[in-house]
Amino acid sequence: MPLSKEESEEFLNRVEKVLVEELKNSYYQQRVVLLDGLGDLIAQYGVENITDDWTRGAWNVAEHLHPSDGSLRY
């Protein structure tokens, strides 16, 4: 079931607080992958079960994207 606008805003505010420094220097493709990953987690586990550690884990995937083409780099 999709989140309401209020639930979405509340969750995104929480993500922003957890990743404040990382998001300052992020680029579009990283934010897309981050939100897709978090969306998958929400669909599978529900927004109330997503911890700050899971949010950081989703960012760990996104931060390994190459800025020019979005491919994974290690």
PDB file of N, CA and C in Angstrom:
ATOM      1  N   MET A   1       0.840  -1.177   0.000  1.00  0.00           N
ATOM      2  CA  MET A   1       0.000   0.000   0.000  1.00  0.00           C
ATOM      3  C   MET A   1       0.884   1.240   0.000  1.00  0.00           C
ATOM      4  N   PRO A   2       0.641   2.171  -0.892  1.00  0.00           N
ATOM      5  CA  PRO A   2       1.456   3.384  -0.970  1.00  0.00           C
ATOM      6  C   PRO A   2       1.327   4.227   0.302  1.00  0.00           C
ATOM      7  N   LEU A   3       2.383   4.979   0.575  1.00  0.00           N
ATOM      8  CA  LEU A   3       2.371   5.871   1.725  1.00  0.00           C
ATOM      9  C   LEU A   3       1.521   7.095   1.420  1.00  0.00           C
ATOM     10  N   SER A   4       0.922   7.638   2.455  1.00  0.00           N
ATOM     11  CA  SER A   4       0.214   8.901   2.303  1.00  0.00           C
ATOM     12  C   SER A   4       1.243  10.014   2.139  1.00  0.00           C
ATOM     13  N   LYS A   5       0.802  11.158   1.730  1.00  0.00           N
ATOM     14  CA  LYS A   5       1.712  12.297   1.559  1.00  0.00           C
ATOM     15  C   LYS A   5       2.394  12.620   2.888  1.00  0.00           C
ATOM     16  N   GLU A   6       1.634  12.585   3.964  1.00  0.00           N
ATOM     17  CA  GLU A   6       2.185  12.879   5.284  1.00  0.00           C
ATOM     18  C   GLU A   6       3.237  11.847   5.688  1.00  0.00           C
ATOM     19  N   GLU A   7       2.951  10.569   5.465  1.00  0.00           N
ATOM     20  CA  GLU A   7       3.909   9.508   5.786  1.00  0.00           C
ATOM     21  C   GLU A   7       5.175   9.643   4.946  1.00  0.00           C
ATOM     22  N   SER A   8       5.008   9.966   3.675  1.00  0.00           N
ATOM     23  CA  SER A   8       6.157  10.146   2.785  1.00  0.00           C
ATOM     24  C   SER A   8       7.037  11.289   3.256  1.00  0.00           C
ATOM     25  N   GLU A   9       6.426  12.418   3.577  1.00  0.00           N
ATOM     26  CA  GLU A   9       7.186  13.580   4.029  1.00  0.00           C
ATOM     27  C   GLU A   9       7.907  13.293   5.337  1.00  0.00           C
ATOM     28  N   GLU A  10       7.227  12.620   6.248  1.00  0.00           N
ATOM     29  CA  GLU A  10       7.834  12.273   7.537  1.00  0.00           C
ATOM     30  C   GLU A  10       9.031  11.345   7.328  1.00  0.00           C
ATOM     31  N   PHE A  11       8.873  10.349   6.469  1.00  0.00           N
ATOM     32  CA  PHE A  11       9.963   9.417   6.208  1.00  0.00           C
ATOM     33  C   PHE A  11      11.131  10.119   5.520  1.00  0.00           C
ATOM     34  N   LEU A  12      10.851  10.938   4.531  1.00  0.00           N
ATOM     35  CA  LEU A  12      11.930  11.642   3.826  1.00  0.00           C
ATOM     36  C   LEU A  12      12.664  12.614   4.749  1.00  0.00           C
ATOM     37  N   ASN A  13      11.949  13.226   5.670  1.00  0.00           N
ATOM     38  CA  ASN A  13      12.602  14.091   6.655  1.00  0.00           C
ATOM     39  C   ASN A  13      13.549  13.286   7.538  1.00  0.00           C
ATOM     40  N   ARG A  14      13.134  12.074   7.906  1.00  0.00           N
ATOM     41  CA  ARG A  14      13.992  11.208   8.707  1.00  0.00           C
ATOM     42  C   ARG A  14      15.233  10.793   7.916  1.00  0.00           C
ATOM     43  N   VAL A  15      15.044  10.444   6.652  1.00  0.00           N
ATOM     44  CA  VAL A  15      16.187  10.081   5.793  1.00  0.00           C
ATOM     45  C   VAL A  15      17.147  11.253   5.685  1.00  0.00           C
ATOM     46  N   GLU A  16      16.605  12.443   5.501  1.00  0.00           N
ATOM     47  CA  GLU A  16      17.445  13.631   5.369  1.00  0.00           C
ATOM     48  C   GLU A  16      18.262  13.869   6.644  1.00  0.00           C
ATOM     49  N   LYS A  17      17.672  13.639   7.809  1.00  0.00           N
ATOM     50  CA  LYS A  17      18.407  13.819   9.068  1.00  0.00           C
ATOM     51  C   LYS A  17      19.524  12.790   9.209  1.00  0.00           C
ATOM     52  N   VAL A  18      19.261  11.559   8.789  1.00  0.00           N
ATOM     53  CA  VAL A  18      20.264  10.493   8.896  1.00  0.00           C
ATOM     54  C   VAL A  18      21.420  10.746   7.930  1.00  0.00           C
ATOM     55  N   LEU A  19      21.113  11.237   6.742  1.00  0.00           N
ATOM     56  CA  LEU A  19      22.117  11.382   5.680  1.00  0.00           C
ATOM     57  C   LEU A  19      22.407  12.838   5.327  1.00  0.00           C
ATOM     58  N   VAL A  20      22.296  13.734   6.290  1.00  0.00           N
ATOM     59  CA  VAL A  20      22.409  15.163   6.005  1.00  0.00           C
ATOM     60  C   VAL A  20      23.712  15.507   5.263  1.00  0.00           C
ATOM     61  N   GLU A  21      24.840  15.037   5.730  1.00  0.00           N
ATOM     62  CA  GLU A  21      26.113  15.369   5.092  1.00  0.00           C
ATOM     63  C   GLU A  21      26.259  14.699   3.731  1.00  0.00           C
ATOM     64  N   GLU A  22      25.850  13.449   3.645  1.00  0.00           N
ATOM     65  CA  GLU A  22      25.974  12.704   2.403  1.00  0.00           C
ATOM     66  C   GLU A  22      25.134  13.323   1.287  1.00  0.00           C
ATOM     67  N   LEU A  23      23.929  13.748   1.625  1.00  0.00           N
ATOM     68  CA  LEU A  23      23.035  14.299   0.606  1.00  0.00           C
ATOM     69  C   LEU A  23      23.495  15.664   0.100  1.00  0.00           C
ATOM     70  N   LYS A  24      24.253  16.382   0.907  1.00  0.00           N
ATOM     71  CA  LYS A  24      24.772  17.688   0.475  1.00  0.00           C
ATOM     72  C   LYS A  24      25.646  17.543  -0.767  1.00  0.00           C
ATOM     73  N   ASN A  25      26.407  16.465  -0.828  1.00  0.00           N
ATOM     74  CA  ASN A  25      27.351  16.267  -1.925  1.00  0.00           C
ATOM     75  C   ASN A  25      26.904  15.194  -2.905  1.00  0.00           C
ATOM     76  N   SER A  26      25.643  14.811  -2.842  1.00  0.00           N
ATOM     77  CA  SER A  26      25.159  13.745  -3.724  1.00  0.00           C
ATOM     78  C   SER A  26      24.763  14.315  -5.080  1.00  0.00           C
ATOM     79  N   TYR A  27      24.611  13.443  -6.027  1.00  0.00           N
ATOM     80  CA  TYR A  27      24.130  13.857  -7.332  1.00  0.00           C
ATOM     81  C   TYR A  27      22.857  13.084  -7.653  1.00  0.00           C
ATOM     82  N   TYR A  28      22.199  13.481  -8.702  1.00  0.00           N
ATOM     83  CA  TYR A  28      20.864  12.988  -9.029  1.00  0.00           C
ATOM     84  C   TYR A  28      20.772  11.467  -9.040  1.00  0.00           C
ATOM     85  N   GLN A  29      21.665  10.801  -9.747  1.00  0.00           N
ATOM     86  CA  GLN A  29      21.598   9.344  -9.882  1.00  0.00           C
ATOM     87  C   GLN A  29      21.694   8.661  -8.521  1.00  0.00           C
ATOM     88  N   GLN A  30      22.517   9.187  -7.627  1.00  0.00           N
ATOM     89  CA  GLN A  30      22.624   8.611  -6.285  1.00  0.00           C
ATOM     90  C   GLN A  30      21.304   8.740  -5.535  1.00  0.00           C
ATOM     91  N   ARG A  31      20.666   9.889  -5.634  1.00  0.00           N
ATOM     92  CA  ARG A  31      19.387  10.087  -4.939  1.00  0.00           C
ATOM     93  C   ARG A  31      18.306   9.175  -5.510  1.00  0.00           C
ATOM     94  N   VAL A  32      18.321   8.965  -6.824  1.00  0.00           N
ATOM     95  CA  VAL A  32      17.343   8.068  -7.441  1.00  0.00           C
ATOM     96  C   VAL A  32      17.531   6.644  -6.922  1.00  0.00           C
ATOM     97  N   VAL A  33      18.767   6.161  -6.905  1.00  0.00           N
ATOM     98  CA  VAL A  33      19.044   4.806  -6.438  1.00  0.00           C
ATOM     99  C   VAL A  33      18.720   4.680  -4.946  1.00  0.00           C
ATOM    100  N   LEU A  34      19.044   5.686  -4.165  1.00  0.00           N
ATOM    101  CA  LEU A  34      18.720   5.677  -2.744  1.00  0.00           C
ATOM    102  C   LEU A  34      17.219   5.548  -2.534  1.00  0.00           C
ATOM    103  N   LEU A  35      16.445   6.373  -3.208  1.00  0.00           N
ATOM    104  CA  LEU A  35      14.991   6.347  -3.041  1.00  0.00           C
ATOM    105  C   LEU A  35      14.384   5.051  -3.569  1.00  0.00           C
ATOM    106  N   ASP A  36      14.916   4.528  -4.664  1.00  0.00           N
ATOM    107  CA  ASP A  36      14.437   3.232  -5.167  1.00  0.00           C
ATOM    108  C   ASP A  36      14.699   2.128  -4.145  1.00  0.00           C
ATOM    109  N   GLY A  37      15.897   2.122  -3.583  1.00  0.00           N
ATOM    110  CA  GLY A  37      16.245   1.111  -2.587  1.00  0.00           C
ATOM    111  C   GLY A  37      15.383   1.221  -1.343  1.00  0.00           C
ATOM    112  N   LEU A  38      15.179   2.441  -0.880  1.00  0.00           N
ATOM    113  CA  LEU A  38      14.324   2.633   0.287  1.00  0.00           C
ATOM    114  C   LEU A  38      12.882   2.265  -0.028  1.00  0.00           C
ATOM    115  N   GLY A  39      12.438   2.566  -1.239  1.00  0.00           N
ATOM    116  CA  GLY A  39      11.089   2.189  -1.657  1.00  0.00           C
ATOM    117  C   GLY A  39      10.891   0.681  -1.626  1.00  0.00           C
ATOM    118  N   ASP A  40      11.901  -0.058  -2.076  1.00  0.00           N
ATOM    119  CA  ASP A  40      11.843  -1.521  -2.032  1.00  0.00           C
ATOM    120  C   ASP A  40      11.764  -2.022  -0.591  1.00  0.00           C
ATOM    121  N   LEU A  41      12.567  -1.417   0.287  1.00  0.00           N
ATOM    122  CA  LEU A  41      12.533  -1.813   1.693  1.00  0.00           C
ATOM    123  C   LEU A  41      11.176  -1.513   2.326  1.00  0.00           C
ATOM    124  N   ILE A  42      10.620  -0.367   2.020  1.00  0.00           N
ATOM    125  CA  ILE A  42       9.305  -0.006   2.557  1.00  0.00           C
ATOM    126  C   ILE A  42       8.253  -0.991   2.075  1.00  0.00           C
ATOM    127  N   ALA A  43       8.299  -1.322   0.795  1.00  0.00           N
ATOM    128  CA  ALA A  43       7.319  -2.257   0.236  1.00  0.00           C
ATOM    129  C   ALA A  43       7.409  -3.621   0.909  1.00  0.00           C
ATOM    130  N   GLN A  44       8.613  -4.032   1.233  1.00  0.00           N
ATOM    131  CA  GLN A  44       8.802  -5.355   1.809  1.00  0.00           C
ATOM    132  C   GLN A  44       8.592  -5.382   3.326  1.00  0.00           C
ATOM    133  N   TYR A  45       9.024  -4.338   4.032  1.00  0.00           N
ATOM    134  CA  TYR A  45       9.020  -4.377   5.494  1.00  0.00           C
ATOM    135  C   TYR A  45       8.116  -3.349   6.164  1.00  0.00           C
ATOM    136  N   GLY A  46       7.662  -2.355   5.423  1.00  0.00           N
ATOM    137  CA  GLY A  46       6.848  -1.289   6.009  1.00  0.00           C
ATOM    138  C   GLY A  46       7.723  -0.171   6.538  1.00  0.00           C
ATOM    139  N   VAL A  47       7.241   1.042   6.403  1.00  0.00           N
ATOM    140  CA  VAL A  47       8.026   2.219   6.771  1.00  0.00           C
ATOM    141  C   VAL A  47       8.401   2.220   8.252  1.00  0.00           C
ATOM    142  N   GLU A  48       7.546   1.687   9.095  1.00  0.00           N
ATOM    143  CA  GLU A  48       7.816   1.702  10.537  1.00  0.00           C
ATOM    144  C   GLU A  48       8.984   0.795  10.926  1.00  0.00           C
ATOM    145  N   ASN A  49       9.386  -0.107  10.056  1.00  0.00           N
ATOM    146  CA  ASN A  49      10.472  -1.038  10.357  1.00  0.00           C
ATOM    147  C   ASN A  49      11.816  -0.630   9.764  1.00  0.00           C
ATOM    148  N   ILE A  50      11.844   0.437   9.001  1.00  0.00           N
ATOM    149  CA  ILE A  50      13.093   0.889   8.382  1.00  0.00           C
ATOM    150  C   ILE A  50      13.900   1.655   9.419  1.00  0.00           C
ATOM    151  N   THR A  51      15.049   1.119   9.760  1.00  0.00           N
ATOM    152  CA  THR A  51      15.894   1.748  10.774  1.00  0.00           C
ATOM    153  C   THR A  51      16.877   2.725  10.121  1.00  0.00           C
ATOM    154  N   ASP A  52      17.516   3.526  10.953  1.00  0.00           N
ATOM    155  CA  ASP A  52      18.548   4.429  10.455  1.00  0.00           C
ATOM    156  C   ASP A  52      19.697   3.635   9.826  1.00  0.00           C
ATOM    157  N   ASP A  53      20.002   2.481  10.385  1.00  0.00           N
ATOM    158  CA  ASP A  53      21.070   1.646   9.812  1.00  0.00           C
ATOM    159  C   ASP A  53      20.703   1.166   8.412  1.00  0.00           C
ATOM    160  N   TRP A  54      19.448   0.808   8.208  1.00  0.00           N
ATOM    161  CA  TRP A  54      19.015   0.391   6.870  1.00  0.00           C
ATOM    162  C   TRP A  54      19.110   1.559   5.897  1.00  0.00           C
ATOM    163  N   THR A  55      18.784   2.740   6.369  1.00  0.00           N
ATOM    164  CA  THR A  55      18.888   3.928   5.522  1.00  0.00           C
ATOM    165  C   THR A  55      20.342   4.152   5.122  1.00  0.00           C
ATOM    166  N   ARG A  56      21.245   4.022   6.087  1.00  0.00           N
ATOM    167  CA  ARG A  56      22.681   4.168   5.776  1.00  0.00           C
ATOM    168  C   ARG A  56      23.144   3.074   4.811  1.00  0.00           C
ATOM    169  N   GLY A  57      22.613   1.868   4.967  1.00  0.00           N
ATOM    170  CA  GLY A  57      22.958   0.777   4.065  1.00  0.00           C
ATOM    171  C   GLY A  57      22.516   1.051   2.640  1.00  0.00           C
ATOM    172  N   ALA A  58      21.328   1.622   2.488  1.00  0.00           N
ATOM    173  CA  ALA A  58      20.847   1.993   1.152  1.00  0.00           C
ATOM    174  C   ALA A  58      21.753   3.066   0.555  1.00  0.00           C
ATOM    175  N   TRP A  59      22.235   3.978   1.381  1.00  0.00           N
ATOM    176  CA  TRP A  59      23.157   5.008   0.892  1.00  0.00           C
ATOM    177  C   TRP A  59      24.489   4.387   0.488  1.00  0.00           C
ATOM    178  N   ASN A  60      24.950   3.383   1.228  1.00  0.00           N
ATOM    179  CA  ASN A  60      26.227   2.742   0.891  1.00  0.00           C
ATOM    180  C   ASN A  60      26.215   2.194  -0.534  1.00  0.00           C
ATOM    181  N   VAL A  61      25.083   1.704  -0.984  1.00  0.00           N
ATOM    182  CA  VAL A  61      24.963   1.247  -2.373  1.00  0.00           C
ATOM    183  C   VAL A  61      25.018   2.450  -3.311  1.00  0.00           C
ATOM    184  N   ALA A  62      24.240   3.473  -3.006  1.00  0.00           N
ATOM    185  CA  ALA A  62      24.137   4.641  -3.895  1.00  0.00           C
ATOM    186  C   ALA A  62      25.449   5.399  -4.026  1.00  0.00           C
ATOM    187  N   GLU A  63      26.238   5.430  -2.965  1.00  0.00           N
ATOM    188  CA  GLU A  63      27.475   6.218  -3.033  1.00  0.00           C
ATOM    189  C   GLU A  63      28.531   5.584  -3.925  1.00  0.00           C
ATOM    190  N   HIS A  64      28.338   4.346  -4.327  1.00  0.00           N
ATOM    191  CA  HIS A  64      29.297   3.674  -5.205  1.00  0.00           C
ATOM    192  C   HIS A  64      28.950   3.820  -6.684  1.00  0.00           C
ATOM    193  N   LEU A  65      28.037   4.714  -7.010  1.00  0.00           N
ATOM    194  CA  LEU A  65      27.681   4.944  -8.411  1.00  0.00           C
ATOM    195  C   LEU A  65      28.616   5.966  -9.028  1.00  0.00           C
ATOM    196  N   HIS A  66      29.012   5.692 -10.235  1.00  0.00           N
ATOM    197  CA  HIS A  66      29.863   6.636 -10.966  1.00  0.00           C
ATOM    198  C   HIS A  66      29.017   7.828 -11.390  1.00  0.00           C
ATOM    199  N   PRO A  67      29.486   9.052 -11.145  1.00  0.00           N
ATOM    200  CA  PRO A  67      28.666  10.232 -11.445  1.00  0.00           C
ATOM    201  C   PRO A  67      28.346  10.433 -12.914  1.00  0.00           C
ATOM    202  N   SER A  68      29.173   9.953 -13.796  1.00  0.00           N
ATOM    203  CA  SER A  68      28.917  10.222 -15.213  1.00  0.00           C
ATOM    204  C   SER A  68      27.855   9.346 -15.824  1.00  0.00           C
ATOM    205  N   ASP A  69      27.787   8.062 -15.399  1.00  0.00           N
ATOM    206  CA  ASP A  69      26.828   7.170 -16.059  1.00  0.00           C
ATOM    207  C   ASP A  69      25.991   6.329 -15.106  1.00  0.00           C
ATOM    208  N   GLY A  70      26.220   6.471 -13.808  1.00  0.00           N
ATOM    209  CA  GLY A  70      25.422   5.728 -12.850  1.00  0.00           C
ATOM    210  C   GLY A  70      25.813   4.272 -12.685  1.00  0.00           C
ATOM    211  N   SER A  71      26.922   3.856 -13.329  1.00  0.00           N
ATOM    212  CA  SER A  71      27.356   2.473 -13.178  1.00  0.00           C
ATOM    213  C   SER A  71      27.989   2.281 -11.801  1.00  0.00           C
ATOM    214  N   LEU A  72      27.971   1.051 -11.325  1.00  0.00           N
ATOM    215  CA  LEU A  72      28.578   0.768 -10.019  1.00  0.00           C
ATOM    216  C   LEU A  72      30.100   0.805 -10.126  1.00  0.00           C
ATOM    217  N   ARG A  73      30.712   1.364  -9.120  1.00  0.00           N
ATOM    218  CA  ARG A  73      32.183   1.355  -9.028  1.00  0.00           C
ATOM    219  C   ARG A  73      32.549   0.879  -7.631  1.00  0.00           C
ATOM    220  N   TYR A  74      33.690   0.304  -7.499  1.00  0.00           N
ATOM    221  CA  TYR A  74      34.117  -0.235  -6.200  1.00  0.00           C
ATOM    222  C   TYR A  74      35.415   0.363  -5.765  1.00  0.00           C
TER     223      TYR A  74
END
